[in-house]
Structures are given as C-alpha cells and as structure tokens.
N, C-alpha and C. Protein backbone atom coordinates (compact mmCIF):
# COMPACT_ATOMS: atom_id res chain seq x y z
N MET A 1 -157.86 39.43 105.40
CA MET A 1 -156.48 39.84 105.48
C MET A 1 -155.60 38.60 105.50
N ASN A 2 -154.60 38.60 104.68
CA ASN A 2 -153.65 37.49 104.62
C ASN A 2 -152.53 37.70 105.64
N PRO A 3 -151.95 36.60 106.14
CA PRO A 3 -150.81 36.76 107.05
C PRO A 3 -149.64 37.37 106.29
N LEU A 4 -148.78 38.08 107.02
CA LEU A 4 -147.60 38.67 106.39
C LEU A 4 -146.62 37.58 106.00
N SER A 5 -146.03 37.75 104.85
CA SER A 5 -145.06 36.78 104.36
C SER A 5 -143.73 36.94 105.12
N GLN A 6 -142.87 35.97 104.94
CA GLN A 6 -141.54 36.03 105.56
C GLN A 6 -140.77 37.23 105.01
N ASN A 7 -140.94 37.51 103.73
CA ASN A 7 -140.28 38.66 103.11
C ASN A 7 -140.82 39.97 103.69
N ASN A 8 -142.15 40.06 103.91
CA ASN A 8 -142.74 41.24 104.54
C ASN A 8 -142.14 41.45 105.93
N CYS A 9 -141.99 40.39 106.68
CA CYS A 9 -141.44 40.48 108.04
C CYS A 9 -139.99 40.96 108.01
N ARG A 10 -139.20 40.45 107.09
CA ARG A 10 -137.81 40.89 106.95
C ARG A 10 -137.74 42.37 106.60
N THR A 11 -138.60 42.79 105.68
CA THR A 11 -138.64 44.20 105.27
C THR A 11 -139.05 45.09 106.44
N LEU A 12 -140.04 44.66 107.20
CA LEU A 12 -140.47 45.42 108.38
C LEU A 12 -139.35 45.55 109.40
N LEU A 13 -138.64 44.45 109.66
CA LEU A 13 -137.53 44.50 110.63
C LEU A 13 -136.42 45.43 110.17
N SER A 14 -136.14 45.43 108.89
CA SER A 14 -135.14 46.34 108.33
C SER A 14 -135.58 47.79 108.51
N ALA A 15 -136.87 48.05 108.28
CA ALA A 15 -137.40 49.40 108.45
C ALA A 15 -137.32 49.84 109.91
N VAL A 16 -137.64 48.93 110.82
CA VAL A 16 -137.57 49.25 112.25
C VAL A 16 -136.14 49.65 112.63
N GLU A 17 -135.18 48.90 112.15
CA GLU A 17 -133.78 49.23 112.43
C GLU A 17 -133.45 50.64 111.93
N LYS A 18 -133.90 50.96 110.73
CA LYS A 18 -133.64 52.28 110.15
C LYS A 18 -134.35 53.38 110.94
N ILE A 19 -135.57 53.12 111.42
CA ILE A 19 -136.34 54.11 112.17
C ILE A 19 -135.60 54.55 113.43
N TYR A 20 -134.85 53.64 114.05
CA TYR A 20 -134.12 53.97 115.26
C TYR A 20 -132.71 54.51 114.99
N SER A 21 -132.33 54.68 113.74
CA SER A 21 -130.96 55.08 113.41
C SER A 21 -130.65 56.58 113.55
N PRO A 22 -131.61 57.49 113.46
CA PRO A 22 -131.22 58.91 113.58
C PRO A 22 -130.63 59.23 114.95
N THR A 23 -129.64 60.11 114.94
CA THR A 23 -129.02 60.55 116.19
C THR A 23 -129.38 62.00 116.50
N ASP A 24 -130.20 62.59 115.64
CA ASP A 24 -130.63 63.97 115.83
C ASP A 24 -132.07 64.08 115.32
N ILE A 25 -132.90 64.86 116.01
CA ILE A 25 -134.31 64.97 115.63
C ILE A 25 -134.49 65.53 114.23
N ASP A 26 -133.53 66.33 113.75
CA ASP A 26 -133.62 66.88 112.39
C ASP A 26 -133.48 65.80 111.32
N GLN A 27 -132.87 64.67 111.67
CA GLN A 27 -132.72 63.55 110.73
C GLN A 27 -133.96 62.67 110.67
N PHE A 28 -134.83 62.80 111.66
CA PHE A 28 -135.97 61.91 111.80
C PHE A 28 -136.89 61.89 110.56
N PRO A 29 -137.36 63.04 110.07
CA PRO A 29 -138.31 62.98 108.94
C PRO A 29 -137.78 62.23 107.72
N SER A 30 -136.62 62.61 107.24
CA SER A 30 -136.11 61.96 106.01
C SER A 30 -135.79 60.49 106.24
N THR A 31 -135.32 60.14 107.43
CA THR A 31 -135.00 58.74 107.73
C THR A 31 -136.25 57.88 107.74
N ILE A 32 -137.30 58.35 108.41
CA ILE A 32 -138.50 57.51 108.47
C ILE A 32 -139.19 57.41 107.12
N LEU A 33 -139.14 58.48 106.32
CA LEU A 33 -139.74 58.40 104.99
C LEU A 33 -139.04 57.34 104.16
N SER A 34 -137.73 57.31 104.24
CA SER A 34 -136.95 56.30 103.51
C SER A 34 -137.27 54.89 104.00
N ALA A 35 -137.36 54.72 105.32
CA ALA A 35 -137.66 53.41 105.89
C ALA A 35 -139.05 52.93 105.47
N MET A 36 -140.02 53.83 105.52
CA MET A 36 -141.38 53.45 105.19
C MET A 36 -141.55 53.17 103.69
N ARG A 37 -140.80 53.86 102.88
CA ARG A 37 -140.86 53.64 101.43
C ARG A 37 -140.43 52.20 101.10
N GLU A 38 -139.54 51.63 101.90
CA GLU A 38 -139.11 50.24 101.68
C GLU A 38 -140.24 49.25 101.95
N VAL A 39 -141.16 49.62 102.82
CA VAL A 39 -142.22 48.71 103.25
C VAL A 39 -143.50 48.88 102.44
N LEU A 40 -143.85 50.13 102.14
CA LEU A 40 -145.14 50.41 101.50
C LEU A 40 -144.96 51.14 100.17
N SER A 41 -145.59 50.61 99.17
CA SER A 41 -145.53 51.21 97.84
C SER A 41 -146.52 52.38 97.76
N CYS A 42 -146.03 53.53 97.29
CA CYS A 42 -146.89 54.69 97.14
C CYS A 42 -146.26 55.66 96.14
N ASN A 43 -147.07 56.59 95.65
CA ASN A 43 -146.53 57.61 94.76
C ASN A 43 -145.73 58.64 95.57
N THR A 44 -146.32 59.07 96.68
CA THR A 44 -145.71 60.09 97.52
C THR A 44 -145.91 59.70 98.98
N ILE A 45 -144.90 59.99 99.78
CA ILE A 45 -145.02 59.81 101.22
C ILE A 45 -144.63 61.14 101.85
N CYS A 46 -145.37 61.52 102.88
CA CYS A 46 -145.23 62.87 103.42
C CYS A 46 -145.19 62.85 104.95
N TYR A 47 -144.21 63.53 105.51
CA TYR A 47 -144.09 63.76 106.95
C TYR A 47 -144.75 65.10 107.22
N ASN A 48 -145.79 65.10 108.06
CA ASN A 48 -146.62 66.29 108.26
C ASN A 48 -146.55 66.80 109.69
N GLU A 49 -146.44 68.11 109.83
CA GLU A 49 -146.58 68.76 111.12
C GLU A 49 -147.73 69.75 110.99
N ILE A 50 -148.77 69.55 111.81
CA ILE A 50 -149.98 70.35 111.70
C ILE A 50 -150.17 71.15 112.99
N SER A 51 -150.29 72.46 112.84
CA SER A 51 -150.60 73.33 113.96
C SER A 51 -152.10 73.57 113.95
N ILE A 52 -152.78 73.04 114.96
CA ILE A 52 -154.25 73.07 114.99
C ILE A 52 -154.79 74.50 115.10
N PRO A 53 -154.33 75.30 116.07
CA PRO A 53 -154.97 76.62 116.21
C PRO A 53 -154.86 77.48 114.95
N GLU A 54 -153.73 77.39 114.27
CA GLU A 54 -153.52 78.22 113.09
C GLU A 54 -154.03 77.56 111.81
N SER A 55 -154.46 76.28 111.90
CA SER A 55 -154.88 75.53 110.71
C SER A 55 -153.78 75.61 109.65
N ARG A 56 -152.56 75.36 110.06
CA ARG A 56 -151.41 75.40 109.16
C ARG A 56 -150.67 74.07 109.19
N MET A 57 -150.09 73.74 108.06
CA MET A 57 -149.38 72.48 107.95
C MET A 57 -148.05 72.71 107.24
N SER A 58 -147.02 72.02 107.72
CA SER A 58 -145.75 72.01 107.01
C SER A 58 -145.40 70.55 106.78
N TRP A 59 -144.62 70.29 105.73
CA TRP A 59 -144.33 68.90 105.41
C TRP A 59 -143.02 68.73 104.67
N ILE A 60 -142.58 67.48 104.69
CA ILE A 60 -141.41 67.03 103.93
C ILE A 60 -141.89 65.82 103.14
N THR A 61 -141.56 65.76 101.85
CA THR A 61 -142.06 64.66 101.01
C THR A 61 -140.93 63.83 100.42
N ASP A 62 -141.30 62.63 100.03
CA ASP A 62 -140.45 61.73 99.26
C ASP A 62 -141.33 61.23 98.12
N PRO A 63 -140.99 61.53 96.89
CA PRO A 63 -139.81 62.26 96.44
C PRO A 63 -139.91 63.76 96.77
N VAL A 64 -138.74 64.36 96.91
CA VAL A 64 -138.64 65.77 97.29
C VAL A 64 -139.37 66.67 96.30
N ASN A 65 -139.30 66.34 95.01
CA ASN A 65 -139.93 67.19 94.00
C ASN A 65 -141.46 67.11 94.02
N ALA A 66 -142.03 66.32 94.93
CA ALA A 66 -143.49 66.23 95.04
C ALA A 66 -144.06 67.35 95.90
N LEU A 67 -143.18 68.18 96.47
CA LEU A 67 -143.67 69.30 97.27
C LEU A 67 -144.49 70.23 96.40
N PRO A 68 -145.70 70.55 96.84
CA PRO A 68 -146.52 71.47 96.05
C PRO A 68 -146.01 72.91 96.17
N GLY A 69 -146.31 73.70 95.16
CA GLY A 69 -145.92 75.10 95.19
C GLY A 69 -146.76 75.88 96.18
N PRO A 70 -146.46 77.17 96.34
CA PRO A 70 -147.15 77.99 97.34
C PRO A 70 -148.67 78.07 97.15
N THR A 71 -149.13 78.07 95.91
CA THR A 71 -150.57 78.15 95.67
C THR A 71 -151.27 76.91 96.18
N LEU A 72 -150.74 75.72 95.86
CA LEU A 72 -151.35 74.49 96.34
C LEU A 72 -151.23 74.36 97.86
N ARG A 73 -150.12 74.79 98.41
CA ARG A 73 -149.97 74.77 99.88
C ARG A 73 -151.07 75.59 100.54
N GLU A 74 -151.33 76.77 99.97
CA GLU A 74 -152.38 77.63 100.52
C GLU A 74 -153.74 76.96 100.40
N MET A 75 -153.99 76.26 99.28
CA MET A 75 -155.26 75.55 99.10
C MET A 75 -155.41 74.47 100.18
N PHE A 76 -154.33 73.74 100.43
CA PHE A 76 -154.39 72.70 101.45
C PHE A 76 -154.69 73.30 102.82
N ASN A 77 -153.94 74.33 103.18
CA ASN A 77 -154.15 74.95 104.49
C ASN A 77 -155.56 75.53 104.61
N ARG A 78 -156.09 76.08 103.53
CA ARG A 78 -157.43 76.67 103.56
C ARG A 78 -158.50 75.61 103.81
N HIS A 79 -158.29 74.38 103.29
CA HIS A 79 -159.30 73.33 103.40
C HIS A 79 -158.90 72.20 104.35
N LEU A 80 -157.92 72.46 105.20
CA LEU A 80 -157.42 71.47 106.15
C LEU A 80 -158.54 70.88 106.99
N HIS A 81 -159.52 71.69 107.36
CA HIS A 81 -160.64 71.24 108.19
C HIS A 81 -161.48 70.16 107.52
N GLU A 82 -161.39 70.01 106.19
CA GLU A 82 -162.17 68.98 105.47
C GLU A 82 -161.49 67.61 105.48
N HIS A 83 -160.23 67.57 105.86
CA HIS A 83 -159.46 66.32 105.74
C HIS A 83 -159.94 65.30 106.77
N PRO A 84 -160.49 64.17 106.31
CA PRO A 84 -161.05 63.20 107.26
C PRO A 84 -160.01 62.56 108.18
N LEU A 85 -158.79 62.35 107.72
CA LEU A 85 -157.78 61.74 108.59
C LEU A 85 -157.37 62.69 109.71
N ILE A 86 -157.29 63.95 109.39
CA ILE A 86 -156.93 64.95 110.41
C ILE A 86 -158.08 65.11 111.39
N ALA A 87 -159.29 65.15 110.89
CA ALA A 87 -160.47 65.29 111.76
C ALA A 87 -160.60 64.12 112.73
N HIS A 88 -160.21 62.92 112.31
CA HIS A 88 -160.37 61.74 113.16
C HIS A 88 -159.11 61.34 113.92
N SER A 89 -157.99 61.99 113.65
CA SER A 89 -156.73 61.58 114.27
C SER A 89 -156.70 61.85 115.77
N GLY A 90 -157.45 62.82 116.24
CA GLY A 90 -157.42 63.15 117.65
C GLY A 90 -158.45 62.42 118.49
N LEU A 91 -159.20 61.52 117.90
CA LEU A 91 -160.21 60.79 118.67
C LEU A 91 -159.53 59.86 119.66
N PRO A 92 -160.16 59.66 120.83
CA PRO A 92 -159.57 58.73 121.81
C PRO A 92 -159.39 57.33 121.21
N ASN A 93 -158.34 56.67 121.60
CA ASN A 93 -158.05 55.30 121.17
C ASN A 93 -157.81 55.16 119.67
N THR A 94 -157.38 56.23 119.01
CA THR A 94 -157.04 56.12 117.60
C THR A 94 -155.62 55.57 117.51
N THR A 95 -155.53 54.26 117.44
CA THR A 95 -154.22 53.63 117.37
C THR A 95 -153.98 52.99 116.00
N ARG A 96 -155.01 52.94 115.20
CA ARG A 96 -154.88 52.34 113.87
C ARG A 96 -154.53 53.40 112.84
N SER A 97 -153.86 52.98 111.82
CA SER A 97 -153.65 53.83 110.66
C SER A 97 -154.99 53.95 109.95
N LEU A 98 -155.21 55.08 109.33
CA LEU A 98 -156.50 55.36 108.71
C LEU A 98 -156.34 55.66 107.23
N ARG A 99 -157.36 55.25 106.46
CA ARG A 99 -157.43 55.58 105.04
C ARG A 99 -158.55 56.60 104.85
N ILE A 100 -158.41 57.44 103.86
CA ILE A 100 -159.51 58.35 103.54
C ILE A 100 -160.76 57.54 103.24
N SER A 101 -160.60 56.40 102.59
CA SER A 101 -161.76 55.57 102.22
C SER A 101 -162.45 54.93 103.43
N ASP A 102 -161.85 55.02 104.61
CA ASP A 102 -162.53 54.57 105.82
C ASP A 102 -163.69 55.50 106.18
N PHE A 103 -163.64 56.72 105.65
CA PHE A 103 -164.62 57.75 106.01
C PHE A 103 -165.44 58.27 104.83
N LEU A 104 -164.84 58.25 103.66
CA LEU A 104 -165.50 58.84 102.49
C LEU A 104 -165.43 57.90 101.29
N SER A 105 -166.51 57.84 100.53
CA SER A 105 -166.45 57.15 99.24
C SER A 105 -165.68 58.06 98.28
N ARG A 106 -165.29 57.53 97.15
CA ARG A 106 -164.59 58.37 96.16
C ARG A 106 -165.47 59.53 95.71
N GLN A 107 -166.78 59.28 95.56
CA GLN A 107 -167.70 60.34 95.16
C GLN A 107 -167.74 61.45 96.22
N GLN A 108 -167.79 61.06 97.49
CA GLN A 108 -167.80 62.06 98.56
C GLN A 108 -166.49 62.84 98.60
N LEU A 109 -165.38 62.13 98.43
CA LEU A 109 -164.08 62.79 98.38
C LEU A 109 -164.04 63.80 97.24
N HIS A 110 -164.52 63.40 96.08
CA HIS A 110 -164.46 64.27 94.89
C HIS A 110 -165.33 65.52 95.03
N ARG A 111 -166.25 65.54 95.97
CA ARG A 111 -167.09 66.73 96.20
C ARG A 111 -166.41 67.76 97.10
N LEU A 112 -165.34 67.36 97.77
CA LEU A 112 -164.67 68.28 98.69
C LEU A 112 -163.80 69.30 97.95
N ALA A 113 -163.79 70.52 98.47
CA ALA A 113 -162.87 71.54 97.93
C ALA A 113 -161.42 71.09 98.13
N LEU A 114 -161.14 70.41 99.24
CA LEU A 114 -159.80 69.88 99.50
C LEU A 114 -159.33 69.01 98.35
N TYR A 115 -160.20 68.16 97.85
CA TYR A 115 -159.84 67.30 96.72
C TYR A 115 -159.68 68.13 95.45
N ASN A 116 -160.67 68.93 95.14
CA ASN A 116 -160.67 69.65 93.86
C ASN A 116 -159.57 70.69 93.74
N GLU A 117 -159.21 71.31 94.86
CA GLU A 117 -158.21 72.37 94.81
C GLU A 117 -156.80 71.92 95.20
N TYR A 118 -156.70 70.73 95.81
CA TYR A 118 -155.37 70.27 96.23
C TYR A 118 -155.04 68.88 95.69
N TYR A 119 -155.83 67.87 96.07
CA TYR A 119 -155.48 66.49 95.70
C TYR A 119 -155.62 66.22 94.20
N ARG A 120 -156.67 66.70 93.56
CA ARG A 120 -156.84 66.45 92.13
C ARG A 120 -155.65 66.94 91.31
N PRO A 121 -155.18 68.19 91.52
CA PRO A 121 -154.02 68.64 90.74
C PRO A 121 -152.76 67.80 90.98
N LEU A 122 -152.67 67.18 92.16
CA LEU A 122 -151.50 66.34 92.46
C LEU A 122 -151.71 64.88 92.04
N GLY A 123 -152.92 64.54 91.61
CA GLY A 123 -153.20 63.17 91.18
C GLY A 123 -153.38 62.19 92.33
N VAL A 124 -153.81 62.68 93.49
CA VAL A 124 -153.98 61.82 94.66
C VAL A 124 -155.44 61.37 94.75
N GLU A 125 -155.64 60.06 94.77
CA GLU A 125 -156.98 59.49 94.92
C GLU A 125 -157.14 58.72 96.23
N TYR A 126 -156.03 58.21 96.78
CA TYR A 126 -156.08 57.38 97.98
C TYR A 126 -154.99 57.81 98.94
N GLN A 127 -155.29 57.70 100.24
CA GLN A 127 -154.30 58.06 101.24
C GLN A 127 -154.44 57.15 102.46
N LEU A 128 -153.30 56.79 103.01
CA LEU A 128 -153.20 56.04 104.26
C LEU A 128 -152.30 56.86 105.17
N GLY A 129 -152.74 57.07 106.40
CA GLY A 129 -151.95 57.89 107.31
C GLY A 129 -151.93 57.35 108.72
N THR A 130 -150.92 57.77 109.46
CA THR A 130 -150.83 57.41 110.87
C THR A 130 -150.23 58.58 111.64
N THR A 131 -150.54 58.64 112.93
CA THR A 131 -150.01 59.72 113.76
C THR A 131 -148.81 59.22 114.57
N ILE A 132 -147.91 60.17 114.83
CA ILE A 132 -146.73 59.89 115.64
C ILE A 132 -146.85 60.61 116.98
N SER A 133 -147.43 61.80 116.95
CA SER A 133 -147.59 62.60 118.17
C SER A 133 -148.84 63.46 118.01
N ILE A 134 -149.63 63.53 119.09
CA ILE A 134 -150.85 64.35 119.07
C ILE A 134 -150.94 65.12 120.37
N SER A 135 -151.24 66.41 120.26
CA SER A 135 -151.57 67.23 121.42
C SER A 135 -152.74 68.12 121.01
N GLU A 136 -153.21 68.94 121.91
CA GLU A 136 -154.32 69.83 121.58
C GLU A 136 -153.94 70.83 120.50
N ARG A 137 -152.67 71.14 120.39
CA ARG A 137 -152.21 72.17 119.46
C ARG A 137 -151.45 71.64 118.25
N HIS A 138 -151.11 70.35 118.25
CA HIS A 138 -150.15 69.87 117.26
C HIS A 138 -150.41 68.41 116.91
N ILE A 139 -150.32 68.10 115.63
CA ILE A 139 -150.37 66.71 115.16
C ILE A 139 -149.14 66.47 114.30
N LEU A 140 -148.47 65.39 114.57
CA LEU A 140 -147.32 64.97 113.78
C LEU A 140 -147.68 63.61 113.18
N GLY A 141 -147.59 63.47 111.87
CA GLY A 141 -147.99 62.21 111.26
C GLY A 141 -147.34 61.99 109.92
N VAL A 142 -147.70 60.86 109.34
CA VAL A 142 -147.17 60.47 108.03
C VAL A 142 -148.35 60.07 107.16
N GLY A 143 -148.33 60.53 105.91
CA GLY A 143 -149.37 60.17 104.95
C GLY A 143 -148.74 59.59 103.69
N LEU A 144 -149.35 58.54 103.19
CA LEU A 144 -148.90 57.91 101.95
C LEU A 144 -149.99 58.09 100.91
N ASP A 145 -149.61 58.51 99.72
CA ASP A 145 -150.58 58.82 98.67
C ASP A 145 -150.40 57.90 97.47
N ARG A 146 -151.53 57.61 96.84
CA ARG A 146 -151.55 56.83 95.60
C ARG A 146 -152.54 57.44 94.63
N ASP A 147 -152.32 57.11 93.37
CA ASP A 147 -153.23 57.61 92.35
C ASP A 147 -154.22 56.58 91.83
N CYS A 148 -153.94 55.29 91.98
CA CYS A 148 -154.83 54.34 91.28
C CYS A 148 -155.28 53.11 92.08
N LEU A 149 -154.80 52.88 93.27
CA LEU A 149 -155.20 51.69 94.02
C LEU A 149 -155.19 52.00 95.50
N ASP A 150 -156.32 51.73 96.17
CA ASP A 150 -156.39 52.01 97.60
C ASP A 150 -155.45 51.07 98.36
N PHE A 151 -155.13 51.44 99.58
CA PHE A 151 -154.25 50.65 100.43
C PHE A 151 -155.02 49.47 101.01
N SER A 152 -154.38 48.33 101.05
CA SER A 152 -155.02 47.09 101.52
C SER A 152 -154.95 47.01 103.05
N GLU A 153 -155.68 46.05 103.59
CA GLU A 153 -155.62 45.80 105.04
C GLU A 153 -154.23 45.34 105.46
N ASN A 154 -153.55 44.56 104.61
CA ASN A 154 -152.18 44.14 104.94
C ASN A 154 -151.23 45.33 104.97
N GLU A 155 -151.43 46.28 104.07
CA GLU A 155 -150.58 47.47 104.08
C GLU A 155 -150.87 48.32 105.33
N ARG A 156 -152.13 48.39 105.70
CA ARG A 156 -152.47 49.10 106.94
C ARG A 156 -151.80 48.40 108.13
N LEU A 157 -151.84 47.07 108.14
CA LEU A 157 -151.20 46.31 109.21
C LEU A 157 -149.71 46.63 109.29
N CYS A 158 -149.04 46.69 108.16
CA CYS A 158 -147.61 47.02 108.15
C CYS A 158 -147.36 48.39 108.77
N LEU A 159 -148.19 49.38 108.41
CA LEU A 159 -148.02 50.71 109.00
C LEU A 159 -148.36 50.69 110.49
N ASP A 160 -149.38 49.93 110.87
CA ASP A 160 -149.72 49.80 112.29
C ASP A 160 -148.58 49.16 113.08
N LEU A 161 -147.88 48.22 112.48
CA LEU A 161 -146.75 47.58 113.16
C LEU A 161 -145.55 48.52 113.28
N LEU A 162 -145.40 49.44 112.32
CA LEU A 162 -144.30 50.41 112.38
C LEU A 162 -144.60 51.55 113.35
N ARG A 163 -145.87 51.87 113.54
CA ARG A 163 -146.27 53.04 114.31
C ARG A 163 -145.66 53.13 115.71
N PRO A 164 -145.69 52.07 116.54
CA PRO A 164 -145.09 52.22 117.88
C PRO A 164 -143.60 52.54 117.82
N HIS A 165 -142.93 52.06 116.79
CA HIS A 165 -141.50 52.34 116.63
C HIS A 165 -141.26 53.78 116.19
N LEU A 166 -142.14 54.29 115.33
CA LEU A 166 -142.06 55.70 114.93
C LEU A 166 -142.23 56.59 116.16
N ILE A 167 -143.23 56.26 116.98
CA ILE A 167 -143.51 57.04 118.19
C ILE A 167 -142.33 56.99 119.14
N GLN A 168 -141.78 55.80 119.40
CA GLN A 168 -140.68 55.67 120.36
C GLN A 168 -139.41 56.34 119.85
N SER A 169 -139.11 56.19 118.58
CA SER A 169 -137.92 56.83 118.03
C SER A 169 -138.03 58.35 118.15
N TYR A 170 -139.20 58.89 117.84
CA TYR A 170 -139.43 60.33 117.96
C TYR A 170 -139.24 60.79 119.41
N ARG A 171 -139.82 60.06 120.36
CA ARG A 171 -139.67 60.40 121.78
C ARG A 171 -138.20 60.34 122.21
N ASN A 172 -137.50 59.29 121.78
CA ASN A 172 -136.08 59.16 122.11
C ASN A 172 -135.30 60.37 121.63
N LEU A 173 -135.59 60.81 120.41
CA LEU A 173 -134.86 61.94 119.83
C LEU A 173 -135.22 63.26 120.52
N GLN A 174 -136.46 63.38 120.96
CA GLN A 174 -136.85 64.58 121.73
C GLN A 174 -136.07 64.63 123.04
N ILE A 175 -135.98 63.50 123.72
CA ILE A 175 -135.24 63.44 124.99
C ILE A 175 -133.76 63.72 124.76
N LEU A 176 -133.20 63.14 123.71
CA LEU A 176 -131.80 63.39 123.39
C LEU A 176 -131.54 64.87 123.12
N LYS A 177 -132.45 65.52 122.44
CA LYS A 177 -132.33 66.96 122.17
C LYS A 177 -132.32 67.76 123.48
N LEU A 178 -133.23 67.39 124.40
CA LEU A 178 -133.26 68.08 125.70
C LEU A 178 -131.97 67.85 126.47
N MET A 179 -131.47 66.62 126.43
CA MET A 179 -130.22 66.31 127.15
C MET A 179 -129.06 67.08 126.57
N LYS A 180 -129.00 67.23 125.27
CA LYS A 180 -127.90 67.99 124.64
C LYS A 180 -127.99 69.46 125.02
N ARG A 181 -129.20 70.00 125.13
CA ARG A 181 -129.38 71.41 125.54
C ARG A 181 -128.87 71.65 126.94
N LYS A 182 -129.10 70.69 127.84
CA LYS A 182 -128.71 70.84 129.23
C LYS A 182 -127.22 70.60 129.45
N ALA A 183 -126.58 69.93 128.51
CA ALA A 183 -125.16 69.59 128.67
C ALA A 183 -124.26 70.78 128.41
C-alpha cells in the first residue's frame, strides 16, 4: 500500500466537511454519496438500509438512474443471504471496509444466484462496502460498485478513514431529529 498523496488528503478533508454538512437526517444519504464520489471512483455508489428479519433492502444510488427496476430488486432481496459483505458486516470488530473479493474469487462470485440474477445484469463485478450502523435488526451501509477493476488497498484506506465521520454524522443527525421532536 502506498502512502496517500497530498491531493488524496485534501480530497478526503473536503469530503469530511461535506459529510458533516446535512442539517436533517433526510439529507444524509444524498450528501454522503456525493462526498464519497469525490474520493472514490466507481460506476455506482449506493446507500443501503437492510432489515435483517425481513431480508429486505432499500437503497438510494448515485447516479439516480442506476436504481434497478422491481424485478431486479426482488432478485436482490431473494438472494440477500448470499451477499458476503452483508454476511460478514455483523461480525465483532468489523471496522474495516470490505470487498467481495476478500471472501470470494470471481469464479465463486459468478456461481452465486445473487450474481447471476442481480449483479450480472447490472454489470457489477467488484464491490467495496462499509457499515455506518449495525443492530440485530438493521444494517445501514454504503456500497461502491465497479465493472472492470477491483478496489485497491489505498481506496479501502480512504473509505476506512471516512467511516468514523459517516458514523458520527449519522449519530449527530439522529440526535438532532430527536431534539426537534421534543421541541
């Protein structure tokens, strides 16, 4: 892994500033997607909310037109249990961002129904993701997708450096929402 360049550091600091800019929790998803897009190159970036008991997922994407239609959404929800990042996100001490390739070779990925019925039609071959909030019933995270080049260790480092700020900004906005309700 190479050290981050001065330009990488400036870009990260700019993204951190943007991550803390929302004044309402409803602004959080689109703001962080925009901030992260400045730091990490990808085809699609997705803000995900996963309900564990129902095996259901909702998301917001950048670009917006990357949202899959209802058929693909159903395929994803049906095969959610196969997703290696989701399966490993709840493990104790999971503080690093994870790539699908950390768990599966491309051949193993291509054997999954999740890939064949969801990722292949979307042209997704590589993914890097991180969690923002985890409970027994809910996972909130961000996933970045690419079609032709896996994410590097330096790119993982950039996402790892952003992660504590994503978590804190989300917590701040949750508290602000509670305070507004009580006022």
